[in-house]
Amino acid sequence: MPRQPTPVPLHGDLHPGNIVLTHNGPRVFDAKGYAGDPAFELANALRHPKGMTDLVRNPRQIETCLSLYSEAMKVSEKRLAQWATAKCALSICWRSGGTIENDPEADLLRLFLDATDQ
């Protein structure tokens, strides 16, 4: 049975929309201040950039991001894909108001689920 990783400080919502480039370098904002699994940190980044639906849903893009992010965070691609699946499902549930029908990210959820099989 896999062990749970030691919790680490996390931003909690790290994605390109929460990063700004300043004259002192990149700065993050809108931190949630969680402690948890390092694989959680970039799970939401797989759903971004917002407004680039075709790119975010491209299986090659998902594979590339999983590879880059897992290497950067020193976590497995599968675990990162599992967290991305959970984050996407959670967003769908929040938007649903209790009824999940034809959500605009249902296809993305399927792609993330497929990525957990690797």
N, C-alpha and C. Protein backbone atom coordinates (compact mmCIF):
# COMPACT_ATOMS: atom_id res chain seq x y z
N MET A 1 0.85 -1.17 0.00
CA MET A 1 0.00 0.00 0.00
C MET A 1 0.90 1.25 0.00
N PRO A 2 0.64 2.20 -0.89
CA PRO A 2 1.47 3.41 -0.93
C PRO A 2 1.32 4.24 0.35
N ARG A 3 2.43 4.80 0.77
CA ARG A 3 2.41 5.66 1.95
C ARG A 3 2.01 7.08 1.55
N GLN A 4 1.38 7.76 2.48
CA GLN A 4 1.08 9.17 2.28
C GLN A 4 2.38 9.96 2.44
N PRO A 5 2.65 10.90 1.55
CA PRO A 5 3.86 11.71 1.71
C PRO A 5 3.75 12.63 2.93
N THR A 6 4.89 13.04 3.41
CA THR A 6 4.93 14.00 4.51
C THR A 6 4.33 15.31 4.02
N PRO A 7 3.36 15.87 4.75
CA PRO A 7 2.77 17.14 4.32
C PRO A 7 3.82 18.26 4.24
N VAL A 8 3.65 19.09 3.23
CA VAL A 8 4.53 20.25 3.03
C VAL A 8 3.66 21.49 2.88
N PRO A 9 4.21 22.68 3.12
CA PRO A 9 3.43 23.91 2.87
C PRO A 9 3.10 24.03 1.37
N LEU A 10 1.87 24.39 1.08
CA LEU A 10 1.40 24.52 -0.30
C LEU A 10 0.74 25.87 -0.52
N HIS A 11 0.84 26.36 -1.73
CA HIS A 11 0.08 27.54 -2.13
C HIS A 11 -1.41 27.19 -2.10
N GLY A 12 -1.74 26.05 -2.71
CA GLY A 12 -3.10 25.55 -2.67
C GLY A 12 -3.93 25.84 -3.90
N ASP A 13 -3.50 26.78 -4.74
CA ASP A 13 -4.23 27.11 -5.98
C ASP A 13 -3.23 27.67 -7.00
N LEU A 14 -2.12 26.99 -7.13
CA LEU A 14 -1.05 27.49 -8.00
C LEU A 14 -1.34 27.18 -9.46
N HIS A 15 -1.45 28.21 -10.25
CA HIS A 15 -1.65 28.12 -11.69
C HIS A 15 -1.24 29.46 -12.29
N PRO A 16 -1.11 29.54 -13.62
CA PRO A 16 -0.61 30.78 -14.24
C PRO A 16 -1.40 32.04 -13.89
N GLY A 17 -2.68 31.89 -13.61
CA GLY A 17 -3.50 33.06 -13.27
C GLY A 17 -3.19 33.65 -11.91
N ASN A 18 -2.44 32.91 -11.09
CA ASN A 18 -2.08 33.38 -9.75
C ASN A 18 -0.59 33.69 -9.64
N ILE A 19 0.00 33.99 -10.76
CA ILE A 19 1.42 34.36 -10.80
C ILE A 19 1.54 35.64 -11.61
N VAL A 20 2.32 36.57 -11.12
CA VAL A 20 2.55 37.82 -11.83
C VAL A 20 4.07 38.05 -11.89
N LEU A 21 4.53 38.57 -13.00
CA LEU A 21 5.95 38.89 -13.15
C LEU A 21 6.16 40.35 -12.74
N THR A 22 7.00 40.56 -11.74
CA THR A 22 7.30 41.90 -11.25
C THR A 22 8.75 42.23 -11.59
N HIS A 23 9.18 43.45 -11.31
CA HIS A 23 10.57 43.81 -11.57
C HIS A 23 11.52 43.02 -10.66
N ASN A 24 11.00 42.41 -9.60
CA ASN A 24 11.79 41.56 -8.71
C ASN A 24 11.65 40.08 -9.04
N GLY A 25 11.00 39.77 -10.14
CA GLY A 25 10.80 38.38 -10.53
C GLY A 25 9.36 37.94 -10.32
N PRO A 26 9.09 36.65 -10.57
CA PRO A 26 7.71 36.16 -10.43
C PRO A 26 7.25 36.17 -8.97
N ARG A 27 5.98 36.51 -8.79
CA ARG A 27 5.36 36.51 -7.46
C ARG A 27 4.02 35.79 -7.57
N VAL A 28 3.72 35.01 -6.56
CA VAL A 28 2.42 34.33 -6.53
C VAL A 28 1.49 35.06 -5.57
N PHE A 29 0.21 34.95 -5.82
CA PHE A 29 -0.78 35.56 -4.95
C PHE A 29 -1.99 34.64 -4.85
N ASP A 30 -2.95 35.01 -4.05
CA ASP A 30 -4.17 34.25 -3.82
C ASP A 30 -3.87 32.87 -3.23
N ALA A 31 -2.83 32.81 -2.39
CA ALA A 31 -2.48 31.53 -1.75
C ALA A 31 -3.57 31.10 -0.77
N LYS A 32 -3.81 29.82 -0.74
CA LYS A 32 -4.79 29.26 0.21
C LYS A 32 -4.11 28.86 1.51
N GLY A 33 -2.80 28.64 1.46
CA GLY A 33 -2.05 28.34 2.67
C GLY A 33 -2.30 26.95 3.23
N TYR A 34 -2.34 25.95 2.38
CA TYR A 34 -2.56 24.59 2.82
C TYR A 34 -1.25 23.92 3.21
N ALA A 35 -1.38 22.80 3.88
CA ALA A 35 -0.28 21.86 4.06
C ALA A 35 -0.81 20.52 3.56
N GLY A 36 0.00 19.84 2.76
CA GLY A 36 -0.49 18.58 2.23
C GLY A 36 0.48 17.90 1.30
N ASP A 37 -0.07 17.02 0.49
CA ASP A 37 0.68 16.22 -0.47
C ASP A 37 1.31 17.14 -1.52
N PRO A 38 2.63 17.04 -1.74
CA PRO A 38 3.27 17.88 -2.76
C PRO A 38 2.66 17.71 -4.15
N ALA A 39 2.10 16.54 -4.44
CA ALA A 39 1.49 16.31 -5.75
C ALA A 39 0.24 17.16 -5.97
N PHE A 40 -0.35 17.65 -4.89
CA PHE A 40 -1.54 18.50 -4.99
C PHE A 40 -1.22 19.88 -5.56
N GLU A 41 0.01 20.36 -5.33
CA GLU A 41 0.34 21.75 -5.62
C GLU A 41 0.08 22.17 -7.07
N LEU A 42 0.44 21.37 -8.03
CA LEU A 42 0.26 21.78 -9.42
C LEU A 42 -0.91 21.08 -10.12
N ALA A 43 -1.74 20.38 -9.36
CA ALA A 43 -2.88 19.68 -9.95
C ALA A 43 -3.82 20.64 -10.67
N ASN A 44 -4.08 21.80 -10.08
CA ASN A 44 -4.99 22.76 -10.70
C ASN A 44 -4.36 23.43 -11.92
N ALA A 45 -3.04 23.48 -11.96
CA ALA A 45 -2.35 24.09 -13.11
C ALA A 45 -2.64 23.33 -14.39
N LEU A 46 -2.97 22.05 -14.30
CA LEU A 46 -3.28 21.26 -15.49
C LEU A 46 -4.58 21.72 -16.15
N ARG A 47 -5.42 22.44 -15.45
CA ARG A 47 -6.68 22.96 -16.00
C ARG A 47 -6.50 24.35 -16.60
N HIS A 48 -5.31 24.84 -16.65
CA HIS A 48 -5.02 26.20 -17.11
C HIS A 48 -4.06 26.17 -18.28
N PRO A 49 -3.99 27.22 -19.07
CA PRO A 49 -4.62 28.52 -18.89
C PRO A 49 -6.09 28.50 -19.29
N LYS A 50 -6.90 29.16 -18.48
CA LYS A 50 -8.33 29.29 -18.77
C LYS A 50 -8.50 29.96 -20.14
N GLY A 51 -9.52 29.56 -20.84
CA GLY A 51 -9.80 30.14 -22.14
C GLY A 51 -9.05 29.46 -23.28
N MET A 52 -8.18 28.52 -22.97
CA MET A 52 -7.44 27.79 -24.00
C MET A 52 -7.89 26.32 -23.96
N THR A 53 -9.17 26.13 -24.21
CA THR A 53 -9.82 24.83 -24.08
C THR A 53 -9.13 23.74 -24.88
N ASP A 54 -8.82 24.01 -26.14
CA ASP A 54 -8.21 22.98 -26.99
C ASP A 54 -6.83 22.57 -26.47
N LEU A 55 -6.04 23.54 -26.04
CA LEU A 55 -4.71 23.24 -25.51
C LEU A 55 -4.81 22.41 -24.24
N VAL A 56 -5.65 22.82 -23.31
CA VAL A 56 -5.77 22.14 -22.02
C VAL A 56 -6.27 20.71 -22.21
N ARG A 57 -7.05 20.45 -23.24
CA ARG A 57 -7.62 19.13 -23.47
C ARG A 57 -6.79 18.27 -24.43
N ASN A 58 -5.70 18.80 -24.91
CA ASN A 58 -4.83 18.05 -25.81
C ASN A 58 -4.07 17.00 -24.99
N PRO A 59 -4.26 15.70 -25.29
CA PRO A 59 -3.59 14.66 -24.51
C PRO A 59 -2.06 14.83 -24.46
N ARG A 60 -1.47 15.31 -25.53
CA ARG A 60 -0.02 15.53 -25.54
C ARG A 60 0.36 16.65 -24.56
N GLN A 61 -0.46 17.69 -24.49
CA GLN A 61 -0.23 18.77 -23.53
C GLN A 61 -0.33 18.25 -22.10
N ILE A 62 -1.34 17.43 -21.85
CA ILE A 62 -1.51 16.85 -20.52
C ILE A 62 -0.28 16.01 -20.16
N GLU A 63 0.17 15.16 -21.09
CA GLU A 63 1.36 14.34 -20.85
C GLU A 63 2.58 15.21 -20.57
N THR A 64 2.76 16.26 -21.36
CA THR A 64 3.92 17.15 -21.19
C THR A 64 3.87 17.82 -19.83
N CYS A 65 2.71 18.36 -19.47
CA CYS A 65 2.57 19.03 -18.17
C CYS A 65 2.78 18.05 -17.02
N LEU A 66 2.20 16.86 -17.13
CA LEU A 66 2.41 15.86 -16.08
C LEU A 66 3.89 15.56 -15.90
N SER A 67 4.59 15.43 -17.00
CA SER A 67 6.02 15.14 -16.95
C SER A 67 6.80 16.28 -16.30
N LEU A 68 6.57 17.50 -16.78
CA LEU A 68 7.28 18.66 -16.25
C LEU A 68 6.95 18.92 -14.79
N TYR A 69 5.68 18.92 -14.47
CA TYR A 69 5.25 19.24 -13.11
C TYR A 69 5.69 18.16 -12.11
N SER A 70 5.59 16.90 -12.53
CA SER A 70 5.98 15.83 -11.60
C SER A 70 7.48 15.88 -11.33
N GLU A 71 8.26 16.21 -12.35
CA GLU A 71 9.70 16.34 -12.15
C GLU A 71 10.02 17.53 -11.24
N ALA A 72 9.34 18.65 -11.46
CA ALA A 72 9.58 19.84 -10.65
C ALA A 72 9.22 19.61 -9.19
N MET A 73 8.15 18.87 -8.95
CA MET A 73 7.67 18.66 -7.58
C MET A 73 8.20 17.36 -6.97
N LYS A 74 8.93 16.58 -7.78
CA LYS A 74 9.48 15.30 -7.30
C LYS A 74 8.36 14.36 -6.82
N VAL A 75 7.34 14.24 -7.66
CA VAL A 75 6.20 13.37 -7.38
C VAL A 75 5.93 12.52 -8.62
N SER A 76 5.16 11.47 -8.46
CA SER A 76 4.85 10.63 -9.62
C SER A 76 3.80 11.30 -10.51
N GLU A 77 3.91 11.03 -11.80
CA GLU A 77 2.93 11.56 -12.75
C GLU A 77 1.53 11.03 -12.41
N LYS A 78 1.46 9.77 -12.04
CA LYS A 78 0.16 9.17 -11.72
C LYS A 78 -0.49 9.88 -10.54
N ARG A 79 0.29 10.15 -9.49
CA ARG A 79 -0.29 10.81 -8.31
C ARG A 79 -0.74 12.23 -8.67
N LEU A 80 0.03 12.93 -9.48
CA LEU A 80 -0.35 14.27 -9.93
C LEU A 80 -1.63 14.20 -10.77
N ALA A 81 -1.72 13.20 -11.65
CA ALA A 81 -2.94 13.02 -12.45
C ALA A 81 -4.14 12.72 -11.57
N GLN A 82 -3.92 11.95 -10.51
CA GLN A 82 -5.02 11.65 -9.59
C GLN A 82 -5.51 12.92 -8.89
N TRP A 83 -4.57 13.78 -8.47
CA TRP A 83 -4.98 15.04 -7.84
C TRP A 83 -5.66 15.96 -8.85
N ALA A 84 -5.18 15.98 -10.09
CA ALA A 84 -5.82 16.80 -11.13
C ALA A 84 -7.25 16.32 -11.36
N THR A 85 -7.44 15.01 -11.34
CA THR A 85 -8.79 14.44 -11.48
C THR A 85 -9.68 14.90 -10.33
N ALA A 86 -9.16 14.82 -9.13
CA ALA A 86 -9.93 15.23 -7.95
C ALA A 86 -10.28 16.72 -8.01
N LYS A 87 -9.31 17.57 -8.39
CA LYS A 87 -9.56 19.03 -8.47
C LYS A 87 -10.61 19.33 -9.53
N CYS A 88 -10.52 18.67 -10.67
CA CYS A 88 -11.49 18.89 -11.75
C CYS A 88 -12.88 18.44 -11.31
N ALA A 89 -12.97 17.26 -10.70
CA ALA A 89 -14.27 16.75 -10.22
C ALA A 89 -14.86 17.68 -9.16
N LEU A 90 -14.02 18.19 -8.28
CA LEU A 90 -14.50 19.11 -7.25
C LEU A 90 -15.07 20.39 -7.87
N SER A 91 -14.37 20.92 -8.86
CA SER A 91 -14.87 22.13 -9.54
C SER A 91 -16.21 21.87 -10.23
N ILE A 92 -16.33 20.70 -10.84
CA ILE A 92 -17.59 20.34 -11.49
C ILE A 92 -18.71 20.29 -10.44
N CYS A 93 -18.43 19.68 -9.31
CA CYS A 93 -19.44 19.59 -8.24
C CYS A 93 -19.81 20.97 -7.70
N TRP A 94 -18.81 21.83 -7.49
CA TRP A 94 -19.10 23.18 -7.00
C TRP A 94 -19.99 23.95 -7.97
N ARG A 95 -19.71 23.82 -9.26
CA ARG A 95 -20.50 24.54 -10.26
C ARG A 95 -21.89 23.96 -10.41
N SER A 96 -22.05 22.69 -10.11
CA SER A 96 -23.28 21.98 -10.44
C SER A 96 -24.50 22.43 -9.64
N GLY A 97 -24.27 22.92 -8.45
CA GLY A 97 -25.40 23.26 -7.60
C GLY A 97 -26.19 22.02 -7.23
N GLY A 98 -25.58 20.85 -7.32
CA GLY A 98 -26.24 19.61 -6.95
C GLY A 98 -26.65 18.75 -8.12
N THR A 99 -26.63 19.29 -9.33
CA THR A 99 -27.02 18.54 -10.51
C THR A 99 -25.90 18.61 -11.54
N ILE A 100 -25.25 17.48 -11.79
CA ILE A 100 -24.15 17.47 -12.75
C ILE A 100 -24.68 17.00 -14.10
N GLU A 101 -24.81 17.93 -15.02
CA GLU A 101 -25.27 17.63 -16.37
C GLU A 101 -24.50 18.48 -17.36
N ASN A 102 -23.88 17.85 -18.31
CA ASN A 102 -23.21 18.56 -19.40
C ASN A 102 -22.25 19.64 -18.92
N ASP A 103 -21.45 19.36 -17.93
CA ASP A 103 -20.49 20.34 -17.45
C ASP A 103 -19.42 20.57 -18.51
N PRO A 104 -18.96 21.81 -18.67
CA PRO A 104 -17.97 22.11 -19.71
C PRO A 104 -16.61 21.44 -19.47
N GLU A 105 -16.39 20.89 -18.27
CA GLU A 105 -15.12 20.20 -18.02
C GLU A 105 -15.29 18.68 -17.89
N ALA A 106 -16.45 18.16 -18.23
CA ALA A 106 -16.65 16.71 -18.14
C ALA A 106 -15.67 15.96 -19.03
N ASP A 107 -15.39 16.48 -20.22
CA ASP A 107 -14.43 15.83 -21.10
C ASP A 107 -13.01 15.91 -20.54
N LEU A 108 -12.68 17.01 -19.89
CA LEU A 108 -11.37 17.16 -19.27
C LEU A 108 -11.22 16.18 -18.11
N LEU A 109 -12.27 16.00 -17.35
CA LEU A 109 -12.25 15.03 -16.26
C LEU A 109 -11.93 13.64 -16.80
N ARG A 110 -12.54 13.27 -17.92
CA ARG A 110 -12.28 11.97 -18.55
C ARG A 110 -10.81 11.85 -18.95
N LEU A 111 -10.23 12.91 -19.51
CA LEU A 111 -8.82 12.89 -19.89
C LEU A 111 -7.91 12.70 -18.68
N PHE A 112 -8.23 13.38 -17.58
CA PHE A 112 -7.44 13.23 -16.36
C PHE A 112 -7.59 11.81 -15.80
N LEU A 113 -8.81 11.27 -15.84
CA LEU A 113 -9.01 9.90 -15.38
C LEU A 113 -8.18 8.92 -16.22
N ASP A 114 -8.15 9.15 -17.52
CA ASP A 114 -7.34 8.31 -18.40
C ASP A 114 -5.86 8.39 -18.02
N ALA A 115 -5.42 9.58 -17.65
CA ALA A 115 -4.00 9.77 -17.30
C ALA A 115 -3.63 9.07 -16.01
N THR A 116 -4.61 8.75 -15.17
CA THR A 116 -4.29 8.06 -13.91
C THR A 116 -3.99 6.58 -14.14
N ASP A 117 -4.31 6.08 -15.32
CA ASP A 117 -4.07 4.67 -15.63
C ASP A 117 -2.62 4.38 -16.00
N GLN A 118 -1.82 5.39 -16.14
CA GLN A 118 -0.44 5.19 -16.58
C GLN A 118 0.41 4.61 -15.50
